[in-house]
Amino acid sequence: MRMFILLLLSMLFISTANAEVRIAVLDFELKDVTLLPNRPEEIERTASIKPLLTAELKKVGFTVLPVDAAAQQAAEMGEGYLFDHADVAASLGKTVGADYVLVGRLHKPSFLFAYLLVEIIAVKSGALVDSLSVETKGSEKKLTAKAVEMLADKIHSSIK
């Protein structure tokens, strides 16, 4: 019983500590360099990543702040701009009161696999904190969800 209470208290502490960290998750972009790029199913898969990641980050207790799609689009000067310009992404995160902003990309170099890429940017300094990658093989929804779960674990490890 005592062990159970300690476990429960430690879980509560971790959840409370993470809740103090405010994260803005931007929409993921698709970088499809296959011979048949930007197929509708890949665009749909890319659009599914942000909601999946948001849910996973909330599960571990982070506060996830919404970012207005129009504001993100206005800050995005072209494909990959926010991914390559941490300072601009940090400014976008600052507008919503975030501590960190996550800029993501689904990079698809092959029909067999793809990479979920995330840049973690500290809003206060505008500095790149970490650059993370998770490989996913195939395009099934459950495989994408598993890759997002792994990515959320990496983000949690990087930020804490």
C-alpha atoms as a PDB file:
ATOM      1  CA  MET A   1       0.000   0.000   0.000  1.00  0.00           C
ATOM      2  CA  ARG A   2       2.794   2.385   0.900  1.00  0.00           C
ATOM      3  CA  MET A   3       4.504   1.694  -2.433  1.00  0.00           C
ATOM      4  CA  PHE A   4       1.245   2.414  -4.274  1.00  0.00           C
ATOM      5  CA  ILE A   5       0.896   5.784  -2.532  1.00  0.00           C
ATOM      6  CA  LEU A   6       4.494   6.705  -3.384  1.00  0.00           C
ATOM      7  CA  LEU A   7       3.920   5.741  -7.004  1.00  0.00           C
ATOM      8  CA  LEU A   8       0.723   7.773  -7.115  1.00  0.00           C
ATOM      9  CA  LEU A   9       2.427  10.812  -5.579  1.00  0.00           C
ATOM     10  CA  SER A  10       5.349  10.594  -8.016  1.00  0.00           C
ATOM     11  CA  MET A  11       2.946  10.412 -10.967  1.00  0.00           C
ATOM     12  CA  LEU A  12       1.079  13.432  -9.633  1.00  0.00           C
ATOM     13  CA  PHE A  13       4.356  15.330  -9.216  1.00  0.00           C
ATOM     14  CA  ILE A  14       5.490  14.514 -12.768  1.00  0.00           C
ATOM     15  CA  SER A  15       2.139  15.535 -14.200  1.00  0.00           C
ATOM     16  CA  THR A  16       2.113  18.778 -12.193  1.00  0.00           C
ATOM     17  CA  ALA A  17       5.715  19.602 -13.156  1.00  0.00           C
ATOM     18  CA  ASN A  18       4.960  19.087 -16.852  1.00  0.00           C
ATOM     19  CA  ALA A  19       1.742  21.126 -16.656  1.00  0.00           C
ATOM     20  CA  GLU A  20       3.857  24.148 -15.835  1.00  0.00           C
ATOM     21  CA  VAL A  21       5.532  23.785 -19.234  1.00  0.00           C
ATOM     22  CA  ARG A  22       3.512  25.418 -22.007  1.00  0.00           C
ATOM     23  CA  ILE A  23       4.073  24.050 -25.508  1.00  0.00           C
ATOM     24  CA  ALA A  24       2.793  25.381 -28.825  1.00  0.00           C
ATOM     25  CA  VAL A  25       2.567  22.682 -31.473  1.00  0.00           C
ATOM     26  CA  LEU A  26       2.528  23.989 -35.024  1.00  0.00           C
ATOM     27  CA  ASP A  27       0.875  22.213 -37.927  1.00  0.00           C
ATOM     28  CA  PHE A  28       3.207  19.658 -39.495  1.00  0.00           C
ATOM     29  CA  GLU A  29       4.298  20.181 -43.066  1.00  0.00           C
ATOM     30  CA  LEU A  30       4.745  17.451 -45.661  1.00  0.00           C
ATOM     31  CA  LYS A  31       8.021  17.155 -47.489  1.00  0.00           C
ATOM     32  CA  ASP A  32       7.333  14.379 -49.962  1.00  0.00           C
ATOM     33  CA  VAL A  33      10.220  13.746 -52.336  1.00  0.00           C
ATOM     34  CA  THR A  34       8.865  10.501 -53.824  1.00  0.00           C
ATOM     35  CA  LEU A  35       8.054  10.110 -57.508  1.00  0.00           C
ATOM     36  CA  LEU A  36       4.352  10.686 -56.721  1.00  0.00           C
ATOM     37  CA  PRO A  37       4.506  13.518 -54.171  1.00  0.00           C
ATOM     38  CA  ASN A  38       1.734  15.004 -52.057  1.00  0.00           C
ATOM     39  CA  ARG A  39      -0.900  12.336 -52.605  1.00  0.00           C
ATOM     40  CA  PRO A  40      -4.161  12.989 -50.727  1.00  0.00           C
ATOM     41  CA  GLU A  41      -3.533  10.161 -48.247  1.00  0.00           C
ATOM     42  CA  GLU A  42      -0.135  11.670 -47.328  1.00  0.00           C
ATOM     43  CA  ILE A  43      -1.669  15.109 -46.881  1.00  0.00           C
ATOM     44  CA  GLU A  44      -4.302  13.510 -44.620  1.00  0.00           C
ATOM     45  CA  ARG A  45      -1.632  11.613 -42.655  1.00  0.00           C
ATOM     46  CA  THR A  46       0.379  14.803 -42.192  1.00  0.00           C
ATOM     47  CA  ALA A  47      -2.699  16.664 -40.933  1.00  0.00           C
ATOM     48  CA  SER A  48      -3.323  13.890 -38.381  1.00  0.00           C
ATOM     49  CA  ILE A  49       0.067  14.255 -36.685  1.00  0.00           C
ATOM     50  CA  LYS A  50      -0.546  17.495 -34.770  1.00  0.00           C
ATOM     51  CA  PRO A  51      -3.759  16.302 -33.054  1.00  0.00           C
ATOM     52  CA  LEU A  52      -2.124  12.962 -32.211  1.00  0.00           C
ATOM     53  CA  LEU A  53       0.974  14.660 -30.804  1.00  0.00           C
ATOM     54  CA  THR A  54      -1.094  17.174 -28.856  1.00  0.00           C
ATOM     55  CA  ALA A  55      -3.042  14.337 -27.222  1.00  0.00           C
ATOM     56  CA  GLU A  56       0.163  12.452 -26.329  1.00  0.00           C
ATOM     57  CA  LEU A  57       1.772  15.552 -24.812  1.00  0.00           C
ATOM     58  CA  LYS A  58      -1.343  16.236 -22.740  1.00  0.00           C
ATOM     59  CA  LYS A  59      -1.253  12.634 -21.471  1.00  0.00           C
ATOM     60  CA  VAL A  60       2.117  13.273 -19.838  1.00  0.00           C
ATOM     61  CA  GLY A  61       0.855  16.523 -18.367  1.00  0.00           C
ATOM     62  CA  PHE A  62       2.152  19.278 -20.642  1.00  0.00           C
ATOM     63  CA  THR A  63      -0.055  22.289 -21.294  1.00  0.00           C
ATOM     64  CA  VAL A  64      -0.515  22.502 -25.058  1.00  0.00           C
ATOM     65  CA  LEU A  65      -1.489  25.918 -26.359  1.00  0.00           C
ATOM     66  CA  PRO A  66      -3.410  26.450 -29.598  1.00  0.00           C
ATOM     67  CA  VAL A  67      -1.782  28.393 -32.407  1.00  0.00           C
ATOM     68  CA  ASP A  68      -4.025  30.149 -34.878  1.00  0.00           C
ATOM     69  CA  ALA A  69      -3.615  28.563 -38.323  1.00  0.00           C
ATOM     70  CA  ALA A  70      -3.773  31.974 -40.008  1.00  0.00           C
ATOM     71  CA  ALA A  71      -0.978  33.280 -37.754  1.00  0.00           C
ATOM     72  CA  GLN A  72       1.172  30.267 -38.605  1.00  0.00           C
ATOM     73  CA  GLN A  73       0.472  30.692 -42.303  1.00  0.00           C
ATOM     74  CA  ALA A  74       1.379  34.388 -42.109  1.00  0.00           C
ATOM     75  CA  ALA A  75       4.694  33.555 -40.394  1.00  0.00           C
ATOM     76  CA  GLU A  76       5.501  30.810 -42.914  1.00  0.00           C
ATOM     77  CA  MET A  77       7.298  32.565 -45.773  1.00  0.00           C
ATOM     78  CA  GLY A  78       7.538  29.396 -47.827  1.00  0.00           C
ATOM     79  CA  GLU A  79       7.952  25.665 -47.474  1.00  0.00           C
ATOM     80  CA  GLY A  80      10.211  24.829 -44.555  1.00  0.00           C
ATOM     81  CA  TYR A  81      10.644  28.428 -43.442  1.00  0.00           C
ATOM     82  CA  LEU A  82       9.606  27.949 -39.802  1.00  0.00           C
ATOM     83  CA  PHE A  83      11.516  24.671 -39.669  1.00  0.00           C
ATOM     84  CA  ASP A  84      14.674  26.534 -40.687  1.00  0.00           C
ATOM     85  CA  HIS A  85      14.090  29.803 -38.768  1.00  0.00           C
ATOM     86  CA  ALA A  86      13.900  29.132 -35.046  1.00  0.00           C
ATOM     87  CA  ASP A  87      13.693  32.847 -34.247  1.00  0.00           C
ATOM     88  CA  VAL A  88      10.509  33.310 -36.280  1.00  0.00           C
ATOM     89  CA  ALA A  89       8.953  30.160 -34.807  1.00  0.00           C
ATOM     90  CA  ALA A  90       9.860  31.434 -31.315  1.00  0.00           C
ATOM     91  CA  SER A  91       8.091  34.736 -32.046  1.00  0.00           C
ATOM     92  CA  LEU A  92       4.997  32.787 -33.047  1.00  0.00           C
ATOM     93  CA  GLY A  93       5.192  30.799 -29.799  1.00  0.00           C
ATOM     94  CA  LYS A  94       5.586  34.014 -27.826  1.00  0.00           C
ATOM     95  CA  THR A  95       2.242  35.315 -29.153  1.00  0.00           C
ATOM     96  CA  VAL A  96       0.415  32.441 -27.408  1.00  0.00           C
ATOM     97  CA  GLY A  97       2.487  32.482 -24.206  1.00  0.00           C
ATOM     98  CA  ALA A  98       4.401  29.256 -24.841  1.00  0.00           C
ATOM     99  CA  ASP A  99       7.666  28.202 -23.236  1.00  0.00           C
ATOM    100  CA  TYR A 100       8.521  25.981 -26.201  1.00  0.00           C
ATOM    101  CA  VAL A 101       7.318  25.765 -29.767  1.00  0.00           C
ATOM    102  CA  LEU A 102       7.418  22.532 -31.779  1.00  0.00           C
ATOM    103  CA  VAL A 103       7.926  22.818 -35.516  1.00  0.00           C
ATOM    104  CA  GLY A 104       7.264  19.546 -37.290  1.00  0.00           C
ATOM    105  CA  ARG A 105       7.655  17.920 -40.648  1.00  0.00           C
ATOM    106  CA  LEU A 106       6.730  14.594 -42.198  1.00  0.00           C
ATOM    107  CA  HIS A 107       9.688  13.863 -44.468  1.00  0.00           C
ATOM    108  CA  LYS A 108       8.878  11.153 -46.996  1.00  0.00           C
ATOM    109  CA  PRO A 109      11.893  10.102 -49.068  1.00  0.00           C
ATOM    110  CA  SER A 110      10.405   6.718 -50.030  1.00  0.00           C
ATOM    111  CA  PHE A 111       7.126   4.846 -50.381  1.00  0.00           C
ATOM    112  CA  LEU A 112       8.392   2.399 -47.757  1.00  0.00           C
ATOM    113  CA  PHE A 113       9.197   4.753 -44.881  1.00  0.00           C
ATOM    114  CA  ALA A 114       8.986   8.321 -43.629  1.00  0.00           C
ATOM    115  CA  TYR A 115      10.435  10.390 -40.809  1.00  0.00           C
ATOM    116  CA  LEU A 116       8.612  12.477 -38.265  1.00  0.00           C
ATOM    117  CA  LEU A 117      10.906  15.418 -37.555  1.00  0.00           C
ATOM    118  CA  VAL A 118      10.475  17.957 -34.781  1.00  0.00           C
ATOM    119  CA  GLU A 119      12.502  21.005 -33.847  1.00  0.00           C
ATOM    120  CA  ILE A 120      12.048  22.050 -30.198  1.00  0.00           C
ATOM    121  CA  ILE A 121      12.593  25.780 -29.834  1.00  0.00           C
ATOM    122  CA  ALA A 122      12.832  27.697 -26.556  1.00  0.00           C
ATOM    123  CA  VAL A 123      10.570  30.704 -26.966  1.00  0.00           C
ATOM    124  CA  LYS A 124      12.406  32.972 -24.526  1.00  0.00           C
ATOM    125  CA  SER A 125      15.809  32.639 -26.211  1.00  0.00           C
ATOM    126  CA  GLY A 126      14.738  31.641 -29.715  1.00  0.00           C
ATOM    127  CA  ALA A 127      17.320  28.851 -29.530  1.00  0.00           C
ATOM    128  CA  LEU A 128      16.972  25.369 -30.955  1.00  0.00           C
ATOM    129  CA  VAL A 129      16.788  23.039 -27.943  1.00  0.00           C
ATOM    130  CA  ASP A 130      16.686  19.746 -29.794  1.00  0.00           C
ATOM    131  CA  SER A 131      16.103  18.226 -33.196  1.00  0.00           C
ATOM    132  CA  LEU A 132      14.254  14.909 -33.036  1.00  0.00           C
ATOM    133  CA  SER A 133      13.434  12.194 -35.541  1.00  0.00           C
ATOM    134  CA  VAL A 134      11.347   9.030 -35.540  1.00  0.00           C
ATOM    135  CA  GLU A 135      11.188   6.640 -38.477  1.00  0.00           C
ATOM    136  CA  THR A 136       7.888   5.051 -39.461  1.00  0.00           C
ATOM    137  CA  LYS A 137       7.590   2.244 -41.980  1.00  0.00           C
ATOM    138  CA  GLY A 138       4.416   2.104 -43.999  1.00  0.00           C
ATOM    139  CA  SER A 139       1.579   4.581 -43.907  1.00  0.00           C
ATOM    140  CA  GLU A 140      -1.032   2.766 -41.821  1.00  0.00           C
ATOM    141  CA  LYS A 141      -2.749   4.971 -39.251  1.00  0.00           C
ATOM    142  CA  LYS A 142      -1.706   2.752 -36.349  1.00  0.00           C
ATOM    143  CA  LEU A 143       1.958   2.968 -37.421  1.00  0.00           C
ATOM    144  CA  THR A 144       1.777   6.751 -37.615  1.00  0.00           C
ATOM    145  CA  ALA A 145       0.126   6.859 -34.179  1.00  0.00           C
ATOM    146  CA  LYS A 146       2.882   4.661 -32.718  1.00  0.00           C
ATOM    147  CA  ALA A 147       5.572   6.886 -34.259  1.00  0.00           C
ATOM    148  CA  VAL A 148       3.868   9.966 -32.768  1.00  0.00           C
ATOM    149  CA  GLU A 149       3.811   8.261 -29.368  1.00  0.00           C
ATOM    150  CA  MET A 150       7.549   7.590 -29.644  1.00  0.00           C
ATOM    151  CA  LEU A 151       8.116  11.196 -30.711  1.00  0.00           C
ATOM    152  CA  ALA A 152       6.158  12.478 -27.697  1.00  0.00           C
ATOM    153  CA  ASP A 153       8.384  10.358 -25.421  1.00  0.00           C
ATOM    154  CA  LYS A 154      11.468  11.916 -26.997  1.00  0.00           C
ATOM    155  CA  ILE A 155      10.033  15.410 -26.596  1.00  0.00           C
ATOM    156  CA  HIS A 156       9.227  14.723 -22.953  1.00  0.00           C
ATOM    157  CA  SER A 157      12.778  13.485 -22.336  1.00  0.00           C
ATOM    158  CA  SER A 158      14.281  16.465 -24.108  1.00  0.00           C
ATOM    159  CA  ILE A 159      12.247  19.111 -22.294  1.00  0.00           C
ATOM    160  CA  LYS A 160      12.341  17.718 -18.758  1.00  0.00           C
END
